[in-house]
């Protein structure tokens, strides 16, 4: 589970990222899941876009993809979303430490 500080850090990183995942009129399918899984394994942080013809909201689609690939939804704004999953073998992104409660 990401803290708000970590989420903010990931959002700032995602600003410079290109959108690499597009969900269109075909909606969710195995190819989208595989593409997301491959990309997130390589990059840890990916940005996607849901077209109006997808038939579901960007929030629903991002949560479904995240559930399938065991990632976390960082943010959903308009039609775009950002997902994060740490690569345990070769981490590329160093998250800020979680504060004490």
PDB file of N, CA and C in Angstrom:
ATOM      1  N   UNK A   1       0.837  -1.182   0.000  1.00  0.00           N
ATOM      2  CA  UNK A   1       0.000   0.000   0.000  1.00  0.00           C
ATOM      3  C   UNK A   1       0.888   1.255   0.000  1.00  0.00           C
ATOM      4  N   UNK A   2       0.600   2.156  -0.906  1.00  0.00           N
ATOM      5  CA  UNK A   2       1.384   3.377  -1.022  1.00  0.00           C
ATOM      6  C   UNK A   2       0.885   4.447  -0.055  1.00  0.00           C
ATOM      7  N   UNK A   3       1.823   5.197   0.499  1.00  0.00           N
ATOM      8  CA  UNK A   3       1.442   6.341   1.329  1.00  0.00           C
ATOM      9  C   UNK A   3       1.142   7.522   0.407  1.00  0.00           C
ATOM     10  N   UNK A   4       0.545   8.568   0.936  1.00  0.00           N
ATOM     11  CA  UNK A   4       0.230   9.736   0.110  1.00  0.00           C
ATOM     12  C   UNK A   4       1.514  10.409  -0.389  1.00  0.00           C
ATOM     13  N   UNK A   5       2.573  10.367   0.421  1.00  0.00           N
ATOM     14  CA  UNK A   5       3.855  10.940   0.009  1.00  0.00           C
ATOM     15  C   UNK A   5       4.448  10.154  -1.167  1.00  0.00           C
ATOM     16  N   UNK A   6       4.388   8.825  -1.092  1.00  0.00           N
ATOM     17  CA  UNK A   6       4.891   7.979  -2.174  1.00  0.00           C
ATOM     18  C   UNK A   6       4.054   8.160  -3.436  1.00  0.00           C
ATOM     19  N   UNK A   7       2.751   8.252  -3.260  1.00  0.00           N
ATOM     20  CA  UNK A   7       1.837   8.451  -4.389  1.00  0.00           C
ATOM     21  C   UNK A   7       2.153   9.783  -5.091  1.00  0.00           C
ATOM     22  N   UNK A   8       2.383  10.828  -4.303  1.00  0.00           N
ATOM     23  CA  UNK A   8       2.716  12.140  -4.865  1.00  0.00           C
ATOM     24  C   UNK A   8       4.039  12.079  -5.632  1.00  0.00           C
ATOM     25  N   UNK A   9       5.010  11.362  -5.079  1.00  0.00           N
ATOM     26  CA  UNK A   9       6.307  11.202  -5.746  1.00  0.00           C
ATOM     27  C   UNK A   9       6.143  10.485  -7.090  1.00  0.00           C
ATOM     28  N   UNK A  10       5.351   9.408  -7.107  1.00  0.00           N
ATOM     29  CA  UNK A  10       5.124   8.652  -8.341  1.00  0.00           C
ATOM     30  C   UNK A  10       4.363   9.492  -9.371  1.00  0.00           C
ATOM     31  N   UNK A  11       3.408  10.298  -8.909  1.00  0.00           N
ATOM     32  CA  UNK A  11       2.672  11.179  -9.829  1.00  0.00           C
ATOM     33  C   UNK A  11       3.628  12.168 -10.488  1.00  0.00           C
ATOM     34  N   UNK A  12       4.569  12.704  -9.707  1.00  0.00           N
ATOM     35  CA  UNK A  12       5.519  13.663 -10.271  1.00  0.00           C
ATOM     36  C   UNK A  12       6.424  12.991 -11.305  1.00  0.00           C
ATOM     37  N   UNK A  13       6.823  11.755 -11.045  1.00  0.00           N
ATOM     38  CA  UNK A  13       7.633  11.016 -12.020  1.00  0.00           C
ATOM     39  C   UNK A  13       6.851  10.748 -13.302  1.00  0.00           C
ATOM     40  N   UNK A  14       5.580  10.406 -13.146  1.00  0.00           N
ATOM     41  CA  UNK A  14       4.749  10.029 -14.289  1.00  0.00           C
ATOM     42  C   UNK A  14       4.499  11.199 -15.237  1.00  0.00           C
ATOM     43  N   UNK A  15       4.651  12.430 -14.746  1.00  0.00           N
ATOM     44  CA  UNK A  15       4.435  13.596 -15.612  1.00  0.00           C
ATOM     45  C   UNK A  15       5.297  13.547 -16.866  1.00  0.00           C
ATOM     46  N   UNK A  16       6.508  13.076 -16.737  1.00  0.00           N
ATOM     47  CA  UNK A  16       7.416  13.029 -17.876  1.00  0.00           C
ATOM     48  C   UNK A  16       7.295  11.774 -18.732  1.00  0.00           C
ATOM     49  N   UNK A  17       6.445  10.857 -18.330  1.00  0.00           N
ATOM     50  CA  UNK A  17       6.307   9.593 -19.053  1.00  0.00           C
ATOM     51  C   UNK A  17       5.330   9.718 -20.215  1.00  0.00           C
ATOM     52  N   UNK A  18       5.582   8.951 -21.260  1.00  0.00           N
ATOM     53  CA  UNK A  18       4.647   8.854 -22.387  1.00  0.00           C
ATOM     54  C   UNK A  18       3.565   7.834 -22.051  1.00  0.00           C
ATOM     55  N   UNK A  19       2.401   8.017 -22.654  1.00  0.00           N
ATOM     56  CA  UNK A  19       1.315   7.056 -22.504  1.00  0.00           C
ATOM     57  C   UNK A  19       1.646   5.858 -23.382  1.00  0.00           C
ATOM     58  N   UNK A  20       1.777   4.676 -22.762  1.00  0.00           N
ATOM     59  CA  UNK A  20       2.179   3.503 -23.545  1.00  0.00           C
ATOM     60  C   UNK A  20       1.085   2.453 -23.654  1.00  0.00           C
ATOM     61  N   UNK A  21       0.014   2.609 -22.876  1.00  0.00           N
ATOM     62  CA  UNK A  21      -1.047   1.617 -22.872  1.00  0.00           C
ATOM     63  C   UNK A  21      -2.351   2.289 -23.283  1.00  0.00           C
ATOM     64  N   UNK A  22      -2.996   1.778 -24.340  1.00  0.00           N
ATOM     65  CA  UNK A  22      -4.260   2.348 -24.813  1.00  0.00           C
ATOM     66  C   UNK A  22      -5.343   1.289 -24.767  1.00  0.00           C
ATOM     67  N   UNK A  23      -6.452   1.627 -24.112  1.00  0.00           N
ATOM     68  CA  UNK A  23      -7.595   0.724 -24.062  1.00  0.00           C
ATOM     69  C   UNK A  23      -8.688   1.360 -24.902  1.00  0.00           C
ATOM     70  N   UNK A  24      -9.059   0.672 -25.991  1.00  0.00           N
ATOM     71  CA  UNK A  24     -10.030   1.225 -26.930  1.00  0.00           C
ATOM     72  C   UNK A  24     -11.319   0.438 -26.973  1.00  0.00           C
ATOM     73  N   UNK A  25     -11.925   0.407 -28.162  1.00  0.00           N
ATOM     74  CA  UNK A  25     -13.249  -0.205 -28.277  1.00  0.00           C
ATOM     75  C   UNK A  25     -13.249  -1.698 -28.018  1.00  0.00           C
ATOM     76  N   UNK A  26     -12.100  -2.332 -28.093  1.00  0.00           N
ATOM     77  CA  UNK A  26     -12.017  -3.752 -27.760  1.00  0.00           C
ATOM     78  C   UNK A  26     -12.152  -3.981 -26.262  1.00  0.00           C
ATOM     79  N   UNK A  27     -12.008  -2.900 -25.490  1.00  0.00           N
ATOM     80  CA  UNK A  27     -12.101  -3.000 -24.032  1.00  0.00           C
ATOM     81  C   UNK A  27     -10.947  -3.809 -23.467  1.00  0.00           C
ATOM     82  N   UNK A  28     -11.206  -4.441 -22.332  1.00  0.00           N
ATOM     83  CA  UNK A  28     -10.186  -5.247 -21.668  1.00  0.00           C
ATOM     84  C   UNK A  28     -10.065  -6.601 -22.351  1.00  0.00           C
ATOM     85  N   UNK A  29      -8.839  -7.022 -22.582  1.00  0.00           N
ATOM     86  CA  UNK A  29      -8.609  -8.364 -23.125  1.00  0.00           C
ATOM     87  C   UNK A  29      -7.235  -8.845 -22.660  1.00  0.00           C
ATOM     88  N   UNK A  30      -6.924 -10.074 -22.986  1.00  0.00           N
ATOM     89  CA  UNK A  30      -5.660 -10.677 -22.552  1.00  0.00           C
ATOM     90  C   UNK A  30      -4.450  -9.928 -23.102  1.00  0.00           C
ATOM     91  N   UNK A  31      -4.576  -9.386 -24.296  1.00  0.00           N
ATOM     92  CA  UNK A  31      -3.451  -8.669 -24.904  1.00  0.00           C
ATOM     93  C   UNK A  31      -3.122  -7.399 -24.111  1.00  0.00           C
ATOM     94  N   UNK A  32      -4.149  -6.678 -23.668  1.00  0.00           N
ATOM     95  CA  UNK A  32      -3.929  -5.473 -22.852  1.00  0.00           C
ATOM     96  C   UNK A  32      -3.248  -5.851 -21.541  1.00  0.00           C
ATOM     97  N   UNK A  33      -3.726  -6.915 -20.905  1.00  0.00           N
ATOM     98  CA  UNK A  33      -3.152  -7.363 -19.629  1.00  0.00           C
ATOM     99  C   UNK A  33      -1.690  -7.759 -19.821  1.00  0.00           C
ATOM    100  N   UNK A  34      -1.406  -8.510 -20.874  1.00  0.00           N
ATOM    101  CA  UNK A  34      -0.029  -8.946 -21.140  1.00  0.00           C
ATOM    102  C   UNK A  34       0.876  -7.747 -21.425  1.00  0.00           C
ATOM    103  N   UNK A  35       0.385  -6.812 -22.215  1.00  0.00           N
ATOM    104  CA  UNK A  35       1.157  -5.612 -22.539  1.00  0.00           C
ATOM    105  C   UNK A  35       1.460  -4.814 -21.268  1.00  0.00           C
ATOM    106  N   UNK A  36       0.460  -4.668 -20.407  1.00  0.00           N
ATOM    107  CA  UNK A  36       0.649  -3.938 -19.146  1.00  0.00           C
ATOM    108  C   UNK A  36       1.644  -4.664 -18.244  1.00  0.00           C
ATOM    109  N   UNK A  37       1.518  -5.985 -18.147  1.00  0.00           N
ATOM    110  CA  UNK A  37       2.407  -6.774 -17.290  1.00  0.00           C
ATOM    111  C   UNK A  37       3.863  -6.675 -17.760  1.00  0.00           C
ATOM    112  N   UNK A  38       4.064  -6.776 -19.068  1.00  0.00           N
ATOM    113  CA  UNK A  38       5.419  -6.686 -19.613  1.00  0.00           C
ATOM    114  C   UNK A  38       6.021  -5.300 -19.378  1.00  0.00           C
ATOM    115  N   UNK A  39       5.223  -4.264 -19.626  1.00  0.00           N
ATOM    116  CA  UNK A  39       5.714  -2.892 -19.492  1.00  0.00           C
ATOM    117  C   UNK A  39       6.020  -2.551 -18.036  1.00  0.00           C
ATOM    118  N   UNK A  40       5.153  -2.963 -17.130  1.00  0.00           N
ATOM    119  CA  UNK A  40       5.350  -2.603 -15.721  1.00  0.00           C
ATOM    120  C   UNK A  40       6.528  -3.368 -15.123  1.00  0.00           C
ATOM    121  N   UNK A  41       6.791  -4.572 -15.639  1.00  0.00           N
ATOM    122  CA  UNK A  41       7.938  -5.328 -15.162  1.00  0.00           C
ATOM    123  C   UNK A  41       9.239  -4.616 -15.554  1.00  0.00           C
ATOM    124  N   UNK A  42       9.237  -4.037 -16.729  1.00  0.00           N
ATOM    125  CA  UNK A  42      10.414  -3.350 -17.240  1.00  0.00           C
ATOM    126  C   UNK A  42      10.584  -1.954 -16.633  1.00  0.00           C
ATOM    127  N   UNK A  43       9.480  -1.224 -16.466  1.00  0.00           N
ATOM    128  CA  UNK A  43       9.539   0.189 -16.078  1.00  0.00           C
ATOM    129  C   UNK A  43       9.115   0.498 -14.650  1.00  0.00           C
ATOM    130  N   UNK A  44       8.299  -0.343 -14.042  1.00  0.00           N
ATOM    131  CA  UNK A  44       7.715  -0.158 -12.707  1.00  0.00           C
ATOM    132  C   UNK A  44       6.579   0.857 -12.689  1.00  0.00           C
ATOM    133  N   UNK A  45       6.604   1.853 -13.548  1.00  0.00           N
ATOM    134  CA  UNK A  45       5.584   2.895 -13.572  1.00  0.00           C
ATOM    135  C   UNK A  45       5.131   3.069 -15.015  1.00  0.00           C
ATOM    136  N   UNK A  46       3.824   2.910 -15.254  1.00  0.00           N
ATOM    137  CA  UNK A  46       3.311   3.061 -16.622  1.00  0.00           C
ATOM    138  C   UNK A  46       2.100   3.984 -16.625  1.00  0.00           C
ATOM    139  N   UNK A  47       1.931   4.640 -17.773  1.00  0.00           N
ATOM    140  CA  UNK A  47       0.797   5.540 -17.956  1.00  0.00           C
ATOM    141  C   UNK A  47      -0.071   4.972 -19.073  1.00  0.00           C
ATOM    142  N   UNK A  48      -1.387   4.972 -18.838  1.00  0.00           N
ATOM    143  CA  UNK A  48      -2.309   4.461 -19.832  1.00  0.00           C
ATOM    144  C   UNK A  48      -3.425   5.442 -20.106  1.00  0.00           C
ATOM    145  N   UNK A  49      -4.158   5.176 -21.178  1.00  0.00           N
ATOM    146  CA  UNK A  49      -5.281   6.023 -21.572  1.00  0.00           C
ATOM    147  C   UNK A  49      -6.448   5.139 -21.970  1.00  0.00           C
ATOM    148  N   UNK A  50      -7.643   5.573 -21.574  1.00  0.00           N
ATOM    149  CA  UNK A  50      -8.858   4.849 -21.921  1.00  0.00           C
ATOM    150  C   UNK A  50      -9.649   5.710 -22.893  1.00  0.00           C
ATOM    151  N   UNK A  51      -9.905   5.174 -24.073  1.00  0.00           N
ATOM    152  CA  UNK A  51     -10.681   5.897 -25.066  1.00  0.00           C
ATOM    153  C   UNK A  51     -12.170   5.790 -24.735  1.00  0.00           C
ATOM    154  N   UNK A  52     -12.961   6.749 -25.203  1.00  0.00           N
ATOM    155  CA  UNK A  52     -14.402   6.751 -24.921  1.00  0.00           C
ATOM    156  C   UNK A  52     -15.085   5.485 -25.406  1.00  0.00           C
ATOM    157  N   UNK A  53     -14.562   4.898 -26.464  1.00  0.00           N
ATOM    158  CA  UNK A  53     -15.186   3.706 -27.042  1.00  0.00           C
ATOM    159  C   UNK A  53     -14.922   2.436 -26.233  1.00  0.00           C
ATOM    160  N   UNK A  54     -14.189   2.532 -25.131  1.00  0.00           N
ATOM    161  CA  UNK A  54     -13.828   1.352 -24.339  1.00  0.00           C
ATOM    162  C   UNK A  54     -15.029   0.734 -23.625  1.00  0.00           C
ATOM    163  N   UNK A  55     -16.049   1.513 -23.355  1.00  0.00           N
ATOM    164  CA  UNK A  55     -17.246   0.962 -22.734  1.00  0.00           C
ATOM    165  C   UNK A  55     -17.213   0.884 -21.220  1.00  0.00           C
ATOM    166  N   UNK A  56     -16.164   1.398 -20.599  1.00  0.00           N
ATOM    167  CA  UNK A  56     -16.063   1.424 -19.131  1.00  0.00           C
ATOM    168  C   UNK A  56     -15.290   2.675 -18.740  1.00  0.00           C
ATOM    169  N   UNK A  57     -15.395   3.051 -17.480  1.00  0.00           N
ATOM    170  CA  UNK A  57     -14.701   4.264 -17.027  1.00  0.00           C
ATOM    171  C   UNK A  57     -13.209   3.994 -16.850  1.00  0.00           C
ATOM    172  N   UNK A  58     -12.402   5.035 -16.962  1.00  0.00           N
ATOM    173  CA  UNK A  58     -10.965   4.875 -16.734  1.00  0.00           C
ATOM    174  C   UNK A  58     -10.653   4.301 -15.346  1.00  0.00           C
ATOM    175  N   UNK A  59     -11.423   4.683 -14.338  1.00  0.00           N
ATOM    176  CA  UNK A  59     -11.221   4.160 -12.975  1.00  0.00           C
ATOM    177  C   UNK A  59     -11.439   2.645 -12.957  1.00  0.00           C
ATOM    178  N   UNK A  60     -12.542   2.180 -13.560  1.00  0.00           N
ATOM    179  CA  UNK A  60     -12.842   0.737 -13.580  1.00  0.00           C
ATOM    180  C   UNK A  60     -11.762  -0.043 -14.317  1.00  0.00           C
ATOM    181  N   UNK A  61     -11.366   0.470 -15.465  1.00  0.00           N
ATOM    182  CA  UNK A  61     -10.361  -0.229 -16.273  1.00  0.00           C
ATOM    183  C   UNK A  61      -9.010  -0.247 -15.576  1.00  0.00           C
ATOM    184  N   UNK A  62      -8.591   0.886 -15.002  1.00  0.00           N
ATOM    185  CA  UNK A  62      -7.286   0.918 -14.320  1.00  0.00           C
ATOM    186  C   UNK A  62      -7.273  -0.020 -13.123  1.00  0.00           C
ATOM    187  N   UNK A  63      -8.369  -0.082 -12.381  1.00  0.00           N
ATOM    188  CA  UNK A  63      -8.432  -0.987 -11.231  1.00  0.00           C
ATOM    189  C   UNK A  63      -8.425  -2.453 -11.661  1.00  0.00           C
ATOM    190  N   UNK A  64      -9.086  -2.740 -12.788  1.00  0.00           N
ATOM    191  CA  UNK A  64      -9.091  -4.120 -13.283  1.00  0.00           C
ATOM    192  C   UNK A  64      -7.691  -4.542 -13.747  1.00  0.00           C
ATOM    193  N   UNK A  65      -7.012  -3.664 -14.470  1.00  0.00           N
ATOM    194  CA  UNK A  65      -5.646  -3.973 -14.920  1.00  0.00           C
ATOM    195  C   UNK A  65      -4.744  -4.153 -13.702  1.00  0.00           C
ATOM    196  N   UNK A  66      -4.847  -3.250 -12.742  1.00  0.00           N
ATOM    197  CA  UNK A  66      -4.017  -3.322 -11.534  1.00  0.00           C
ATOM    198  C   UNK A  66      -4.257  -4.632 -10.785  1.00  0.00           C
ATOM    199  N   UNK A  67      -5.500  -5.043 -10.690  1.00  0.00           N
ATOM    200  CA  UNK A  67      -5.831  -6.301 -10.000  1.00  0.00           C
ATOM    201  C   UNK A  67      -5.214  -7.486 -10.741  1.00  0.00           C
ATOM    202  N   UNK A  68      -5.313  -7.483 -12.064  1.00  0.00           N
ATOM    203  CA  UNK A  68      -4.788  -8.591 -12.873  1.00  0.00           C
ATOM    204  C   UNK A  68      -3.263  -8.712 -12.785  1.00  0.00           C
ATOM    205  N   UNK A  69      -2.567  -7.582 -12.781  1.00  0.00           N
ATOM    206  CA  UNK A  69      -1.099  -7.629 -12.777  1.00  0.00           C
ATOM    207  C   UNK A  69      -0.512  -7.368 -11.391  1.00  0.00           C
ATOM    208  N   UNK A  70      -1.380  -7.291 -10.382  1.00  0.00           N
ATOM    209  CA  UNK A  70      -0.968  -7.078  -8.983  1.00  0.00           C
ATOM    210  C   UNK A  70      -0.161  -5.791  -8.816  1.00  0.00           C
ATOM    211  N   UNK A  71      -0.684  -4.721  -9.405  1.00  0.00           N
ATOM    212  CA  UNK A  71      -0.058  -3.399  -9.306  1.00  0.00           C
ATOM    213  C   UNK A  71      -0.965  -2.487  -8.488  1.00  0.00           C
ATOM    214  N   UNK A  72      -0.531  -1.245  -8.320  1.00  0.00           N
ATOM    215  CA  UNK A  72      -1.341  -0.259  -7.602  1.00  0.00           C
ATOM    216  C   UNK A  72      -1.684   0.893  -8.530  1.00  0.00           C
ATOM    217  N   UNK A  73      -2.914   1.381  -8.402  1.00  0.00           N
ATOM    218  CA  UNK A  73      -3.328   2.558  -9.159  1.00  0.00           C
ATOM    219  C   UNK A  73      -2.777   3.779  -8.421  1.00  0.00           C
ATOM    220  N   UNK A  74      -1.947   4.544  -9.108  1.00  0.00           N
ATOM    221  CA  UNK A  74      -1.364   5.739  -8.508  1.00  0.00           C
ATOM    222  C   UNK A  74      -2.338   6.900  -8.645  1.00  0.00           C
ATOM    223  N   UNK A  75      -2.892   7.065  -9.854  1.00  0.00           N
ATOM    224  CA  UNK A  75      -3.863   8.132 -10.065  1.00  0.00           C
ATOM    225  C   UNK A  75      -4.677   7.863 -11.313  1.00  0.00           C
ATOM    226  N   UNK A  76      -5.856   8.477 -11.346  1.00  0.00           N
ATOM    227  CA  UNK A  76      -6.710   8.480 -12.528  1.00  0.00           C
ATOM    228  C   UNK A  76      -7.175   9.922 -12.699  1.00  0.00           C
ATOM    229  N   UNK A  77      -6.825  10.524 -13.823  1.00  0.00           N
ATOM    230  CA  UNK A  77      -7.258  11.885 -14.125  1.00  0.00           C
ATOM    231  C   UNK A  77      -7.830  11.888 -15.531  1.00  0.00           C
ATOM    232  N   UNK A  78      -9.095  12.233 -15.631  1.00  0.00           N
ATOM    233  CA  UNK A  78      -9.756  12.252 -16.938  1.00  0.00           C
ATOM    234  C   UNK A  78      -9.726  10.860 -17.544  1.00  0.00           C
ATOM    235  N   UNK A  79      -9.116  10.739 -18.705  1.00  0.00           N
ATOM    236  CA  UNK A  79      -9.051   9.444 -19.389  1.00  0.00           C
ATOM    237  C   UNK A  79      -7.726   8.730 -19.146  1.00  0.00           C
ATOM    238  N   UNK A  80      -6.806   9.371 -18.418  1.00  0.00           N
ATOM    239  CA  UNK A  80      -5.486   8.766 -18.199  1.00  0.00           C
ATOM    240  C   UNK A  80      -5.349   8.193 -16.801  1.00  0.00           C
ATOM    241  N   UNK A  81      -4.491   7.177 -16.707  1.00  0.00           N
ATOM    242  CA  UNK A  81      -4.228   6.558 -15.411  1.00  0.00           C
ATOM    243  C   UNK A  81      -2.761   6.174 -15.322  1.00  0.00           C
ATOM    244  N   UNK A  82      -2.287   6.026 -14.079  1.00  0.00           N
ATOM    245  CA  UNK A  82      -0.898   5.649 -13.820  1.00  0.00           C
ATOM    246  C   UNK A  82      -0.899   4.454 -12.879  1.00  0.00           C
ATOM    247  N   UNK A  83      -0.115   3.430 -13.221  1.00  0.00           N
ATOM    248  CA  UNK A  83       0.009   2.221 -12.409  1.00  0.00           C
ATOM    249  C   UNK A  83       1.455   2.043 -11.964  1.00  0.00           C
ATOM    250  N   UNK A  84       1.632   1.458 -10.776  1.00  0.00           N
ATOM    251  CA  UNK A  84       2.975   1.211 -10.239  1.00  0.00           C
ATOM    252  C   UNK A  84       3.047  -0.194  -9.658  1.00  0.00           C
ATOM    253  N   UNK A  85       4.160  -0.851  -9.937  1.00  0.00           N
ATOM    254  CA  UNK A  85       4.463  -2.141  -9.306  1.00  0.00           C
ATOM    255  C   UNK A  85       5.976  -2.238  -9.180  1.00  0.00           C
ATOM    256  N   UNK A  86       6.454  -2.430  -7.979  1.00  0.00           N
ATOM    257  CA  UNK A  86       7.896  -2.539  -7.732  1.00  0.00           C
ATOM    258  C   UNK A  86       8.440  -3.835  -8.331  1.00  0.00           C
ATOM    259  N   UNK A  87       9.569  -3.734  -9.006  1.00  0.00           N
ATOM    260  CA  UNK A  87      10.273  -4.894  -9.531  1.00  0.00           C
ATOM    261  C   UNK A  87      11.218  -5.353  -8.420  1.00  0.00           C
ATOM    262  N   UNK A  88      10.893  -6.481  -7.800  1.00  0.00           N
ATOM    263  CA  UNK A  88      11.664  -6.946  -6.640  1.00  0.00           C
ATOM    264  C   UNK A  88      13.106  -7.314  -6.995  1.00  0.00           C
ATOM    265  N   UNK A  89      13.344  -7.821  -8.205  1.00  0.00           N
ATOM    266  CA  UNK A  89      14.692  -8.242  -8.595  1.00  0.00           C
ATOM    267  C   UNK A  89      15.579  -7.063  -8.969  1.00  0.00           C
ATOM    268  N   UNK A  90      15.046  -6.126  -9.751  1.00  0.00           N
ATOM    269  CA  UNK A  90      15.817  -4.972 -10.214  1.00  0.00           C
ATOM    270  C   UNK A  90      15.013  -3.685 -10.038  1.00  0.00           C
ATOM    271  N   UNK A  91      14.875  -3.184  -8.807  1.00  0.00           N
ATOM    272  CA  UNK A  91      14.097  -1.954  -8.616  1.00  0.00           C
ATOM    273  C   UNK A  91      14.741  -0.756  -9.307  1.00  0.00           C
ATOM    274  N   UNK A  92      13.938   0.031  -9.994  1.00  0.00           N
ATOM    275  CA  UNK A  92      14.426   1.204 -10.703  1.00  0.00           C
ATOM    276  C   UNK A  92      14.028   2.500  -9.999  1.00  0.00           C
ATOM    277  N   UNK A  93      12.901   2.463  -9.282  1.00  0.00           N
ATOM    278  CA  UNK A  93      12.387   3.657  -8.617  1.00  0.00           C
ATOM    279  C   UNK A  93      12.543   3.486  -7.108  1.00  0.00           C
ATOM    280  N   UNK A  94      13.186   4.455  -6.485  1.00  0.00           N
ATOM    281  CA  UNK A  94      13.359   4.444  -5.037  1.00  0.00           C
ATOM    282  C   UNK A  94      12.284   5.337  -4.428  1.00  0.00           C
ATOM    283  N   UNK A  95      11.336   4.724  -3.731  1.00  0.00           N
ATOM    284  CA  UNK A  95      10.233   5.474  -3.124  1.00  0.00           C
ATOM    285  C   UNK A  95      10.690   6.150  -1.840  1.00  0.00           C
ATOM    286  N   UNK A  96      10.086   7.316  -1.513  1.00  0.00           N
ATOM    287  CA  UNK A  96      10.372   7.933  -0.213  1.00  0.00           C
ATOM    288  C   UNK A  96       9.906   6.979   0.891  1.00  0.00           C
ATOM    289  N   UNK A  97      10.598   7.005   2.014  1.00  0.00           N
ATOM    290  CA  UNK A  97      10.231   6.124   3.131  1.00  0.00           C
ATOM    291  C   UNK A  97       8.877   6.528   3.709  1.00  0.00           C
ATOM    292  N   UNK A  98       8.133   5.525   4.159  1.00  0.00           N
ATOM    293  CA  UNK A  98       6.840   5.781   4.806  1.00  0.00           C
ATOM    294  C   UNK A  98       7.096   6.388   6.175  1.00  0.00           C
ATOM    295  N   UNK A  99       6.307   7.399   6.526  1.00  0.00           N
ATOM    296  CA  UNK A  99       6.469   8.054   7.825  1.00  0.00           C
ATOM    297  C   UNK A  99       5.980   7.176   8.958  1.00  0.00           C
ATOM    298  N   UNK A 100       6.429   7.475  10.164  1.00  0.00           N
ATOM    299  CA  UNK A 100       5.992   6.701  11.336  1.00  0.00           C
ATOM    300  C   UNK A 100       4.632   7.161  11.806  1.00  0.00           C
ATOM    301  N   UNK A 101       3.841   6.208  12.309  1.00  0.00           N
ATOM    302  CA  UNK A 101       2.504   6.548  12.800  1.00  0.00           C
ATOM    303  C   UNK A 101       2.468   6.466  14.296  1.00  0.00           C
TER     304      UNK A 101
END
